[in-house]
Amino acid sequence: MREMEDRLGNEAGGYQDSITRLEAEIAKMKDEMARHLREYQDLLNVKMALDIEIATYRKLLEGEESRITVSGSQSSHSGSHSAASLYSTVGFRGDHCKHTSSPLTNQQRVP
C-alpha cells in the first residue's frame, strides 16, 4: 500500500511539474504574441504614414502635370511632360524626400 502511495505521489509530482512547465510556456507565448502585435502595429503605422506620403506626392505630381500642361498649351513649346516623365526625372525615392513636414522621421525611412 505504501509503495502504491509513493508511486501515485511521484506521478502527481510529475504531472504538477508538467503543468508548471506548460503554464510557463503559455506565459512565454503570450508575451511573444504581445511583442508581435506591437511590431505589427508599428509596421502598420509606418505603412499608413507612407501611404499618406505617397498620396501627397501623387497629388503634387498631378498638380505639376496640370501646371505644365496649361503652361505648355499657352506657350509655343511643342513638348508636354507627363506625370510619368516627371516621376522618373525627379526620381521619387524615400531618400530624396527629406522635408520637415514628412510624417516619418529619417530613422523610419526605408531606402
PDB file of N, CA and C in Angstrom:
ATOM      1  N   MET A   1       0.814  -1.173   0.000  1.00  0.00           N
ATOM      2  CA  MET A   1       0.000   0.000   0.000  1.00  0.00           C
ATOM      3  C   MET A   1       0.875   1.260   0.000  1.00  0.00           C
ATOM      4  N   ARG A   2       1.897   1.277   0.796  1.00  0.00           N
ATOM      5  CA  ARG A   2       2.815   2.422   0.881  1.00  0.00           C
ATOM      6  C   ARG A   2       3.512   2.626  -0.454  1.00  0.00           C
ATOM      7  N   GLU A   3       3.873   1.535  -1.100  1.00  0.00           N
ATOM      8  CA  GLU A   3       4.544   1.608  -2.395  1.00  0.00           C
ATOM      9  C   GLU A   3       3.630   2.253  -3.434  1.00  0.00           C
ATOM     10  N   MET A   4       2.360   1.909  -3.415  1.00  0.00           N
ATOM     11  CA  MET A   4       1.388   2.469  -4.344  1.00  0.00           C
ATOM     12  C   MET A   4       1.202   3.971  -4.089  1.00  0.00           C
ATOM     13  N   GLU A   5       1.162   4.385  -2.828  1.00  0.00           N
ATOM     14  CA  GLU A   5       1.042   5.800  -2.483  1.00  0.00           C
ATOM     15  C   GLU A   5       2.259   6.579  -2.967  1.00  0.00           C
ATOM     16  N   ASP A   6       3.438   5.984  -2.800  1.00  0.00           N
ATOM     17  CA  ASP A   6       4.666   6.637  -3.272  1.00  0.00           C
ATOM     18  C   ASP A   6       4.645   6.792  -4.796  1.00  0.00           C
ATOM     19  N   ARG A   7       4.234   5.736  -5.473  1.00  0.00           N
ATOM     20  CA  ARG A   7       4.181   5.770  -6.943  1.00  0.00           C
ATOM     21  C   ARG A   7       3.178   6.830  -7.404  1.00  0.00           C
ATOM     22  N   LEU A   8       1.997   6.875  -6.802  1.00  0.00           N
ATOM     23  CA  LEU A   8       0.982   7.874  -7.151  1.00  0.00           C
ATOM     24  C   LEU A   8       1.461   9.286  -6.798  1.00  0.00           C
ATOM     25  N   GLY A   9       2.176   9.422  -5.702  1.00  0.00           N
ATOM     26  CA  GLY A   9       2.743  10.720  -5.325  1.00  0.00           C
ATOM     27  C   GLY A   9       3.766  11.194  -6.345  1.00  0.00           C
ATOM     28  N   ASN A  10       4.604  10.261  -6.817  1.00  0.00           N
ATOM     29  CA  ASN A  10       5.596  10.597  -7.845  1.00  0.00           C
ATOM     30  C   ASN A  10       4.910  10.995  -9.154  1.00  0.00           C
ATOM     31  N   GLU A  11       3.866  10.253  -9.520  1.00  0.00           N
ATOM     32  CA  GLU A  11       3.132  10.584 -10.747  1.00  0.00           C
ATOM     33  C   GLU A  11       2.481  11.959 -10.620  1.00  0.00           C
ATOM     34  N   ALA A  12       1.875  12.216  -9.457  1.00  0.00           N
ATOM     35  CA  ALA A  12       1.239  13.514  -9.236  1.00  0.00           C
ATOM     36  C   ALA A  12       2.277  14.628  -9.298  1.00  0.00           C
ATOM     37  N   GLY A  13       3.452  14.412  -8.736  1.00  0.00           N
ATOM     38  CA  GLY A  13       4.534  15.403  -8.802  1.00  0.00           C
ATOM     39  C   GLY A  13       4.973  15.630 -10.240  1.00  0.00           C
ATOM     40  N   GLY A  14       5.071  14.535 -11.008  1.00  0.00           N
ATOM     41  CA  GLY A  14       5.435  14.659 -12.431  1.00  0.00           C
ATOM     42  C   GLY A  14       4.395  15.457 -13.195  1.00  0.00           C
ATOM     43  N   TYR A  15       3.114  15.173 -12.912  1.00  0.00           N
ATOM     44  CA  TYR A  15       2.042  15.920 -13.572  1.00  0.00           C
ATOM     45  C   TYR A  15       2.075  17.394 -13.174  1.00  0.00           C
ATOM     46  N   GLN A  16       2.345  17.640 -11.907  1.00  0.00           N
ATOM     47  CA  GLN A  16       2.412  19.034 -11.449  1.00  0.00           C
ATOM     48  C   GLN A  16       3.577  19.764 -12.116  1.00  0.00           C
ATOM     49  N   ASP A  17       4.715  19.068 -12.289  1.00  0.00           N
ATOM     50  CA  ASP A  17       5.854  19.667 -12.994  1.00  0.00           C
ATOM     51  C   ASP A  17       5.482  19.984 -14.441  1.00  0.00           C
ATOM     52  N   SER A  18       4.755  19.055 -15.072  1.00  0.00           N
ATOM     53  CA  SER A  18       4.312  19.281 -16.455  1.00  0.00           C
ATOM     54  C   SER A  18       3.384  20.489 -16.528  1.00  0.00           C
ATOM     55  N   ILE A  19       2.461  20.577 -15.583  1.00  0.00           N
ATOM     56  CA  ILE A  19       1.532  21.717 -15.559  1.00  0.00           C
ATOM     57  C   ILE A  19       2.291  23.025 -15.395  1.00  0.00           C
ATOM     58  N   THR A  20       3.248  23.043 -14.487  1.00  0.00           N
ATOM     59  CA  THR A  20       4.049  24.252 -14.249  1.00  0.00           C
ATOM     60  C   THR A  20       4.826  24.628 -15.508  1.00  0.00           C
ATOM     61  N   ARG A  21       5.432  23.633 -16.160  1.00  0.00           N
ATOM     62  CA  ARG A  21       6.205  23.878 -17.384  1.00  0.00           C
ATOM     63  C   ARG A  21       5.303  24.410 -18.489  1.00  0.00           C
ATOM     64  N   LEU A  22       4.121  23.805 -18.649  1.00  0.00           N
ATOM     65  CA  LEU A  22       3.199  24.239 -19.692  1.00  0.00           C
ATOM     66  C   LEU A  22       2.660  25.643 -19.415  1.00  0.00           C
ATOM     67  N   GLU A  23       2.390  25.953 -18.154  1.00  0.00           N
ATOM     68  CA  GLU A  23       1.944  27.304 -17.818  1.00  0.00           C
ATOM     69  C   GLU A  23       3.024  28.333 -18.122  1.00  0.00           C
ATOM     70  N   ALA A  24       4.285  27.961 -17.878  1.00  0.00           N
ATOM     71  CA  ALA A  24       5.395  28.865 -18.210  1.00  0.00           C
ATOM     72  C   ALA A  24       5.489  29.067 -19.726  1.00  0.00           C
ATOM     73  N   GLU A  25       5.293  27.988 -20.486  1.00  0.00           N
ATOM     74  CA  GLU A  25       5.312  28.094 -21.952  1.00  0.00           C
ATOM     75  C   GLU A  25       4.172  28.985 -22.440  1.00  0.00           C
ATOM     76  N   ILE A  26       2.999  28.833 -21.841  1.00  0.00           N
ATOM     77  CA  ILE A  26       1.854  29.662 -22.224  1.00  0.00           C
ATOM     78  C   ILE A  26       2.159  31.138 -21.955  1.00  0.00           C
ATOM     79  N   ALA A  27       2.711  31.429 -20.799  1.00  0.00           N
ATOM     80  CA  ALA A  27       3.063  32.815 -20.470  1.00  0.00           C
ATOM     81  C   ALA A  27       4.093  33.363 -21.458  1.00  0.00           C
ATOM     82  N   LYS A  28       5.073  32.531 -21.812  1.00  0.00           N
ATOM     83  CA  LYS A  28       6.102  32.950 -22.767  1.00  0.00           C
ATOM     84  C   LYS A  28       5.470  33.224 -24.131  1.00  0.00           C
ATOM     85  N   MET A  29       4.572  32.355 -24.563  1.00  0.00           N
ATOM     86  CA  MET A  29       3.908  32.544 -25.861  1.00  0.00           C
ATOM     87  C   MET A  29       3.014  33.783 -25.853  1.00  0.00           C
ATOM     88  N   LYS A  30       2.347  34.049 -24.738  1.00  0.00           N
ATOM     89  CA  LYS A  30       1.529  35.256 -24.644  1.00  0.00           C
ATOM     90  C   LYS A  30       2.395  36.503 -24.760  1.00  0.00           C
ATOM     91  N   ASP A  31       3.553  36.495 -24.107  1.00  0.00           N
ATOM     92  CA  ASP A  31       4.482  37.621 -24.206  1.00  0.00           C
ATOM     93  C   ASP A  31       4.963  37.797 -25.646  1.00  0.00           C
ATOM     94  N   GLU A  32       5.267  36.672 -26.291  1.00  0.00           N
ATOM     95  CA  GLU A  32       5.737  36.721 -27.676  1.00  0.00           C
ATOM     96  C   GLU A  32       4.629  37.243 -28.598  1.00  0.00           C
ATOM     97  N   MET A  33       3.397  36.800 -28.372  1.00  0.00           N
ATOM     98  CA  MET A  33       2.278  37.292 -29.179  1.00  0.00           C
ATOM     99  C   MET A  33       2.076  38.793 -28.981  1.00  0.00           C
ATOM    100  N   ALA A  34       2.214  39.261 -27.756  1.00  0.00           N
ATOM    101  CA  ALA A  34       2.077  40.688 -27.481  1.00  0.00           C
ATOM    102  C   ALA A  34       3.179  41.473 -28.192  1.00  0.00           C
ATOM    103  N   ARG A  35       4.396  40.929 -28.196  1.00  0.00           N
ATOM    104  CA  ARG A  35       5.515  41.588 -28.890  1.00  0.00           C
ATOM    105  C   ARG A  35       5.235  41.647 -30.389  1.00  0.00           C
ATOM    106  N   HIS A  36       4.758  40.538 -30.961  1.00  0.00           N
ATOM    107  CA  HIS A  36       4.434  40.513 -32.389  1.00  0.00           C
ATOM    108  C   HIS A  36       3.313  41.510 -32.710  1.00  0.00           C
ATOM    109  N   LEU A  37       2.345  41.615 -31.835  1.00  0.00           N
ATOM    110  CA  LEU A  37       1.258  42.562 -32.053  1.00  0.00           C
ATOM    111  C   LEU A  37       1.782  43.991 -32.045  1.00  0.00           C
ATOM    112  N   ARG A  38       2.675  44.308 -31.113  1.00  0.00           N
ATOM    113  CA  ARG A  38       3.266  45.658 -31.074  1.00  0.00           C
ATOM    114  C   ARG A  38       4.058  45.930 -32.349  1.00  0.00           C
ATOM    115  N   GLU A  39       4.840  44.947 -32.801  1.00  0.00           N
ATOM    116  CA  GLU A  39       5.610  45.119 -34.039  1.00  0.00           C
ATOM    117  C   GLU A  39       4.675  45.328 -35.224  1.00  0.00           C
ATOM    118  N   TYR A  40       3.595  44.553 -35.272  1.00  0.00           N
ATOM    119  CA  TYR A  40       2.620  44.687 -36.339  1.00  0.00           C
ATOM    120  C   TYR A  40       1.999  46.088 -36.330  1.00  0.00           C
ATOM    121  N   GLN A  41       1.627  46.571 -35.150  1.00  0.00           N
ATOM    122  CA  GLN A  41       1.050  47.908 -35.039  1.00  0.00           C
ATOM    123  C   GLN A  41       2.047  48.974 -35.503  1.00  0.00           C
ATOM    124  N   ASP A  42       3.312  48.814 -35.110  1.00  0.00           N
ATOM    125  CA  ASP A  42       4.343  49.764 -35.547  1.00  0.00           C
ATOM    126  C   ASP A  42       4.472  49.756 -37.071  1.00  0.00           C
ATOM    127  N   LEU A  43       4.517  48.555 -37.654  1.00  0.00           N
ATOM    128  CA  LEU A  43       4.633  48.451 -39.113  1.00  0.00           C
ATOM    129  C   LEU A  43       3.396  49.017 -39.808  1.00  0.00           C
ATOM    130  N   LEU A  44       2.239  48.768 -39.239  1.00  0.00           N
ATOM    131  CA  LEU A  44       1.010  49.305 -39.817  1.00  0.00           C
ATOM    132  C   LEU A  44       1.009  50.831 -39.766  1.00  0.00           C
ATOM    133  N   ASN A  45       1.493  51.399 -38.670  1.00  0.00           N
ATOM    134  CA  ASN A  45       1.585  52.859 -38.557  1.00  0.00           C
ATOM    135  C   ASN A  45       2.542  53.434 -39.600  1.00  0.00           C
ATOM    136  N   VAL A  46       3.678  52.765 -39.806  1.00  0.00           N
ATOM    137  CA  VAL A  46       4.640  53.217 -40.819  1.00  0.00           C
ATOM    138  C   VAL A  46       4.018  53.111 -42.207  1.00  0.00           C
ATOM    139  N   LYS A  47       3.319  52.004 -42.468  1.00  0.00           N
ATOM    140  CA  LYS A  47       2.667  51.812 -43.768  1.00  0.00           C
ATOM    141  C   LYS A  47       1.652  52.913 -44.022  1.00  0.00           C
ATOM    142  N   MET A  48       0.843  53.215 -43.025  1.00  0.00           N
ATOM    143  CA  MET A  48      -0.170  54.259 -43.196  1.00  0.00           C
ATOM    144  C   MET A  48       0.492  55.615 -43.458  1.00  0.00           C
ATOM    145  N   ALA A  49       1.565  55.910 -42.742  1.00  0.00           N
ATOM    146  CA  ALA A  49       2.285  57.168 -42.958  1.00  0.00           C
ATOM    147  C   ALA A  49       2.870  57.212 -44.367  1.00  0.00           C
ATOM    148  N   LEU A  50       3.411  56.089 -44.827  1.00  0.00           N
ATOM    149  CA  LEU A  50       3.963  56.037 -46.185  1.00  0.00           C
ATOM    150  C   LEU A  50       2.857  56.184 -47.230  1.00  0.00           C
ATOM    151  N   ASP A  51       1.711  55.566 -46.994  1.00  0.00           N
ATOM    152  CA  ASP A  51       0.585  55.720 -47.914  1.00  0.00           C
ATOM    153  C   ASP A  51       0.168  57.181 -48.015  1.00  0.00           C
ATOM    154  N   ILE A  52       0.138  57.874 -46.884  1.00  0.00           N
ATOM    155  CA  ILE A  52      -0.206  59.302 -46.884  1.00  0.00           C
ATOM    156  C   ILE A  52       0.840  60.093 -47.656  1.00  0.00           C
ATOM    157  N   GLU A  53       2.110  59.773 -47.424  1.00  0.00           N
ATOM    158  CA  GLU A  53       3.182  60.486 -48.115  1.00  0.00           C
ATOM    159  C   GLU A  53       3.121  60.223 -49.620  1.00  0.00           C
ATOM    160  N   ILE A  54       2.847  58.991 -50.019  1.00  0.00           N
ATOM    161  CA  ILE A  54       2.716  58.654 -51.444  1.00  0.00           C
ATOM    162  C   ILE A  54       1.554  59.434 -52.059  1.00  0.00           C
ATOM    163  N   ALA A  55       0.429  59.478 -51.354  1.00  0.00           N
ATOM    164  CA  ALA A  55      -0.727  60.217 -51.859  1.00  0.00           C
ATOM    165  C   ALA A  55      -0.399  61.699 -52.013  1.00  0.00           C
ATOM    166  N   THR A  56       0.355  62.243 -51.063  1.00  0.00           N
ATOM    167  CA  THR A  56       0.756  63.645 -51.134  1.00  0.00           C
ATOM    168  C   THR A  56       1.613  63.897 -52.368  1.00  0.00           C
ATOM    169  N   TYR A  57       2.607  63.047 -52.592  1.00  0.00           N
ATOM    170  CA  TYR A  57       3.465  63.225 -53.768  1.00  0.00           C
ATOM    171  C   TYR A  57       2.698  62.990 -55.061  1.00  0.00           C
ATOM    172  N   ARG A  58       1.742  62.073 -55.044  1.00  0.00           N
ATOM    173  CA  ARG A  58       0.924  61.835 -56.236  1.00  0.00           C
ATOM    174  C   ARG A  58       0.135  63.102 -56.576  1.00  0.00           C
ATOM    175  N   LYS A  59      -0.447  63.743 -55.551  1.00  0.00           N
ATOM    176  CA  LYS A  59      -1.188  64.990 -55.788  1.00  0.00           C
ATOM    177  C   LYS A  59      -0.249  66.085 -56.285  1.00  0.00           C
ATOM    178  N   LEU A  60       0.951  66.146 -55.718  1.00  0.00           N
ATOM    179  CA  LEU A  60       1.923  67.132 -56.199  1.00  0.00           C
ATOM    180  C   LEU A  60       2.268  66.887 -57.664  1.00  0.00           C
ATOM    181  N   LEU A  61       2.456  65.628 -58.031  1.00  0.00           N
ATOM    182  CA  LEU A  61       2.763  65.297 -59.426  1.00  0.00           C
ATOM    183  C   LEU A  61       1.611  65.671 -60.344  1.00  0.00           C
ATOM    184  N   GLU A  62       0.389  65.359 -59.913  1.00  0.00           N
ATOM    185  CA  GLU A  62      -0.770  65.700 -60.735  1.00  0.00           C
ATOM    186  C   GLU A  62      -0.885  67.208 -60.895  1.00  0.00           C
ATOM    187  N   GLY A  63      -0.607  67.954 -59.827  1.00  0.00           N
ATOM    188  CA  GLY A  63      -0.638  69.414 -59.905  1.00  0.00           C
ATOM    189  C   GLY A  63       0.427  69.947 -60.851  1.00  0.00           C
ATOM    190  N   GLU A  64       1.621  69.366 -60.765  1.00  0.00           N
ATOM    191  CA  GLU A  64       2.696  69.782 -61.670  1.00  0.00           C
ATOM    192  C   GLU A  64       2.344  69.437 -63.105  1.00  0.00           C
ATOM    193  N   GLU A  65       1.770  68.273 -63.318  1.00  0.00           N
ATOM    194  CA  GLU A  65       1.402  67.874 -64.678  1.00  0.00           C
ATOM    195  C   GLU A  65       0.366  68.828 -65.254  1.00  0.00           C
ATOM    196  N   SER A  66      -0.637  69.179 -64.449  1.00  0.00           N
ATOM    197  CA  SER A  66      -1.655  70.098 -64.959  1.00  0.00           C
ATOM    198  C   SER A  66      -1.056  71.490 -65.169  1.00  0.00           C
ATOM    199  N   ARG A  67      -0.138  71.907 -64.291  1.00  0.00           N
ATOM    200  CA  ARG A  67       0.511  73.217 -64.458  1.00  0.00           C
ATOM    201  C   ARG A  67       1.337  73.240 -65.736  1.00  0.00           C
ATOM    202  N   ILE A  68       2.079  72.171 -65.983  1.00  0.00           N
ATOM    203  CA  ILE A  68       2.917  72.109 -67.185  1.00  0.00           C
ATOM    204  C   ILE A  68       2.048  72.023 -68.430  1.00  0.00           C
ATOM    205  N   THR A  69       0.967  71.256 -68.345  1.00  0.00           N
ATOM    206  CA  THR A  69       0.071  71.126 -69.492  1.00  0.00           C
ATOM    207  C   THR A  69      -0.567  72.468 -69.827  1.00  0.00           C
ATOM    208  N   VAL A  70      -1.011  73.195 -68.801  1.00  0.00           N
ATOM    209  CA  VAL A  70      -1.624  74.507 -69.023  1.00  0.00           C
ATOM    210  C   VAL A  70      -0.583  75.477 -69.565  1.00  0.00           C
ATOM    211  N   SER A  71       0.601  75.515 -68.958  1.00  0.00           N
ATOM    212  CA  SER A  71       1.628  76.452 -69.431  1.00  0.00           C
ATOM    213  C   SER A  71       2.160  76.026 -70.795  1.00  0.00           C
ATOM    214  N   GLY A  72       2.169  74.741 -71.070  1.00  0.00           N
ATOM    215  CA  GLY A  72       2.629  74.253 -72.374  1.00  0.00           C
ATOM    216  C   GLY A  72       1.666  74.615 -73.481  1.00  0.00           C
ATOM    217  N   SER A  73       0.366  74.612 -73.182  1.00  0.00           N
ATOM    218  CA  SER A  73      -0.606  74.965 -74.212  1.00  0.00           C
ATOM    219  C   SER A  73      -0.642  76.473 -74.443  1.00  0.00           C
ATOM    220  N   GLN A  74      -0.224  77.265 -73.456  1.00  0.00           N
ATOM    221  CA  GLN A  74      -0.217  78.719 -73.608  1.00  0.00           C
ATOM    222  C   GLN A  74       1.023  79.203 -74.345  1.00  0.00           C
ATOM    223  N   SER A  75       2.105  78.453 -74.252  1.00  0.00           N
ATOM    224  CA  SER A  75       3.330  78.879 -74.934  1.00  0.00           C
ATOM    225  C   SER A  75       3.466  78.120 -76.243  1.00  0.00           C
ATOM    226  N   SER A  76       4.463  78.439 -77.000  1.00  0.00           N
ATOM    227  CA  SER A  76       4.675  77.749 -78.267  1.00  0.00           C
ATOM    228  C   SER A  76       5.550  76.523 -78.092  1.00  0.00           C
ATOM    229  N   HIS A  77       5.738  76.118 -76.863  1.00  0.00           N
ATOM    230  CA  HIS A  77       6.527  74.928 -76.554  1.00  0.00           C
ATOM    231  C   HIS A  77       5.797  73.705 -77.076  1.00  0.00           C
ATOM    232  N   SER A  78       6.438  72.873 -77.874  1.00  0.00           N
ATOM    233  CA  SER A  78       5.735  71.766 -78.508  1.00  0.00           C
ATOM    234  C   SER A  78       5.651  70.516 -77.644  1.00  0.00           C
ATOM    235  N   GLY A  79       6.572  70.282 -76.738  1.00  0.00           N
ATOM    236  CA  GLY A  79       6.565  69.038 -75.949  1.00  0.00           C
ATOM    237  C   GLY A  79       5.928  69.244 -74.593  1.00  0.00           C
ATOM    238  N   SER A  80       5.003  68.364 -74.244  1.00  0.00           N
ATOM    239  CA  SER A  80       4.427  68.441 -72.896  1.00  0.00           C
ATOM    240  C   SER A  80       4.942  67.272 -72.087  1.00  0.00           C
ATOM    241  N   HIS A  81       5.049  67.478 -70.784  1.00  0.00           N
ATOM    242  CA  HIS A  81       5.565  66.454 -69.890  1.00  0.00           C
ATOM    243  C   HIS A  81       4.412  65.709 -69.255  1.00  0.00           C
ATOM    244  N   SER A  82       4.583  64.423 -69.061  1.00  0.00           N
ATOM    245  CA  SER A  82       3.570  63.635 -68.360  1.00  0.00           C
ATOM    246  C   SER A  82       4.007  63.415 -66.917  1.00  0.00           C
ATOM    247  N   ALA A  83       3.084  62.925 -66.115  1.00  0.00           N
ATOM    248  CA  ALA A  83       3.416  62.625 -64.721  1.00  0.00           C
ATOM    249  C   ALA A  83       4.499  61.558 -64.664  1.00  0.00           C
ATOM    250  N   ALA A  84       4.469  60.626 -65.594  1.00  0.00           N
ATOM    251  CA  ALA A  84       5.475  59.559 -65.594  1.00  0.00           C
ATOM    252  C   ALA A  84       6.866  60.130 -65.852  1.00  0.00           C
ATOM    253  N   SER A  85       6.979  61.090 -66.797  1.00  0.00           N
ATOM    254  CA  SER A  85       8.301  61.656 -67.060  1.00  0.00           C
ATOM    255  C   SER A  85       8.766  62.508 -65.897  1.00  0.00           C
ATOM    256  N   LEU A  86       7.829  63.213 -65.260  1.00  0.00           N
ATOM    257  CA  LEU A  86       8.201  63.966 -64.070  1.00  0.00           C
ATOM    258  C   LEU A  86       8.658  63.036 -62.968  1.00  0.00           C
ATOM    259  N   TYR A  87       7.932  61.948 -62.805  1.00  0.00           N
ATOM    260  CA  TYR A  87       8.254  60.969 -61.762  1.00  0.00           C
ATOM    261  C   TYR A  87       9.660  60.420 -61.967  1.00  0.00           C
ATOM    262  N   SER A  88       9.991  60.052 -63.213  1.00  0.00           N
ATOM    263  CA  SER A  88      11.316  59.487 -63.452  1.00  0.00           C
ATOM    264  C   SER A  88      12.391  60.559 -63.380  1.00  0.00           C
ATOM    265  N   THR A  89      12.062  61.798 -63.751  1.00  0.00           N
ATOM    266  CA  THR A  89      13.037  62.886 -63.683  1.00  0.00           C
ATOM    267  C   THR A  89      13.373  63.212 -62.236  1.00  0.00           C
ATOM    268  N   VAL A  90      12.329  63.340 -61.427  1.00  0.00           N
ATOM    269  CA  VAL A  90      12.553  63.688 -60.031  1.00  0.00           C
ATOM    270  C   VAL A  90      13.124  62.502 -59.290  1.00  0.00           C
ATOM    271  N   GLY A  91      12.751  61.290 -59.655  1.00  0.00           N
ATOM    272  CA  GLY A  91      13.284  60.087 -59.019  1.00  0.00           C
ATOM    273  C   GLY A  91      12.798  59.926 -57.602  1.00  0.00           C
ATOM    274  N   PHE A  92      11.506  59.814 -57.422  1.00  0.00           N
ATOM    275  CA  PHE A  92      10.953  59.721 -56.079  1.00  0.00           C
ATOM    276  C   PHE A  92      11.378  58.432 -55.406  1.00  0.00           C
ATOM    277  N   ARG A  93      12.230  58.581 -54.440  1.00  0.00           N
ATOM    278  CA  ARG A  93      12.621  57.504 -53.529  1.00  0.00           C
ATOM    279  C   ARG A  93      12.650  58.134 -52.157  1.00  0.00           C
ATOM    280  N   GLY A  94      12.489  57.334 -51.143  1.00  0.00           N
ATOM    281  CA  GLY A  94      12.425  57.850 -49.780  1.00  0.00           C
ATOM    282  C   GLY A  94      13.586  58.751 -49.410  1.00  0.00           C
ATOM    283  N   ASP A  95      14.796  58.467 -49.948  1.00  0.00           N
ATOM    284  CA  ASP A  95      15.956  59.251 -49.546  1.00  0.00           C
ATOM    285  C   ASP A  95      15.975  60.636 -50.199  1.00  0.00           C
ATOM    286  N   HIS A  96      15.174  60.864 -51.257  1.00  0.00           N
ATOM    287  CA  HIS A  96      15.130  62.173 -51.895  1.00  0.00           C
ATOM    288  C   HIS A  96      14.070  63.072 -51.270  1.00  0.00           C
ATOM    289  N   CYS A  97      13.230  62.515 -50.427  1.00  0.00           N
ATOM    290  CA  CYS A  97      12.073  63.244 -49.922  1.00  0.00           C
ATOM    291  C   CYS A  97      12.237  63.567 -48.447  1.00  0.00           C
ATOM    292  N   LYS A  98      13.284  64.229 -48.088  1.00  0.00           N
ATOM    293  CA  LYS A  98      13.534  64.534 -46.675  1.00  0.00           C
ATOM    294  C   LYS A  98      13.141  65.975 -46.404  1.00  0.00           C
ATOM    295  N   HIS A  99      11.857  66.196 -46.165  1.00  0.00           N
ATOM    296  CA  HIS A  99      11.402  67.525 -45.818  1.00  0.00           C
ATOM    297  C   HIS A  99      10.833  67.483 -44.413  1.00  0.00           C
ATOM    298  N   THR A 100      10.717  68.653 -43.797  1.00  0.00           N
ATOM    299  CA  THR A 100      10.360  68.685 -42.384  1.00  0.00           C
ATOM    300  C   THR A 100       8.898  68.375 -42.121  1.00  0.00           C
ATOM    301  N   SER A 101       8.033  68.480 -43.115  1.00  0.00           N
ATOM    302  CA  SER A 101       6.622  68.205 -42.868  1.00  0.00           C
ATOM    303  C   SER A 101       6.270  66.741 -43.086  1.00  0.00           C
ATOM    304  N   SER A 102       7.255  65.908 -43.344  1.00  0.00           N
ATOM    305  CA  SER A 102       7.004  64.482 -43.555  1.00  0.00           C
ATOM    306  C   SER A 102       6.514  63.832 -42.284  1.00  0.00           C
ATOM    307  N   PRO A 103       5.563  62.881 -42.416  1.00  0.00           N
ATOM    308  CA  PRO A 103       5.075  62.196 -41.223  1.00  0.00           C
ATOM    309  C   PRO A 103       6.085  61.211 -40.649  1.00  0.00           C
ATOM    310  N   LEU A 104       7.163  60.948 -41.365  1.00  0.00           N
ATOM    311  CA  LEU A 104       8.160  59.999 -40.895  1.00  0.00           C
ATOM    312  C   LEU A 104       9.448  60.703 -40.539  1.00  0.00           C
ATOM    313  N   THR A 105      10.155  60.164 -39.594  1.00  0.00           N
ATOM    314  CA  THR A 105      11.479  60.674 -39.281  1.00  0.00           C
ATOM    315  C   THR A 105      12.480  60.003 -40.197  1.00  0.00           C
ATOM    316  N   ASN A 106      13.684  60.533 -40.271  1.00  0.00           N
ATOM    317  CA  ASN A 106      14.705  59.940 -41.121  1.00  0.00           C
ATOM    318  C   ASN A 106      15.040  58.518 -40.694  1.00  0.00           C
ATOM    319  N   GLN A 107      14.883  58.210 -39.428  1.00  0.00           N
ATOM    320  CA  GLN A 107      15.186  56.860 -38.948  1.00  0.00           C
ATOM    321  C   GLN A 107      14.161  55.855 -39.445  1.00  0.00           C
ATOM    322  N   GLN A 108      12.936  56.297 -39.752  1.00  0.00           N
ATOM    323  CA  GLN A 108      11.892  55.382 -40.181  1.00  0.00           C
ATOM    324  C   GLN A 108      11.872  55.187 -41.679  1.00  0.00           C
ATOM    325  N   ARG A 109      12.624  55.982 -42.428  1.00  0.00           N
ATOM    326  CA  ARG A 109      12.602  55.884 -43.887  1.00  0.00           C
ATOM    327  C   ARG A 109      13.296  54.605 -44.357  1.00  0.00           C
ATOM    328  N   VAL A 110      12.727  54.021 -45.368  1.00  0.00           N
ATOM    329  CA  VAL A 110      13.295  52.820 -45.972  1.00  0.00           C
ATOM    330  C   VAL A 110      13.967  53.254 -47.268  1.00  0.00           C
ATOM    331  N   PRO A 111      15.252  52.946 -47.463  1.00  0.00           N
ATOM    332  CA  PRO A 111      15.939  53.404 -48.683  1.00  0.00           C
ATOM    333  C   PRO A 111      15.397  52.730 -49.922  1.00  0.00           C
TER     334      PRO A 111
END
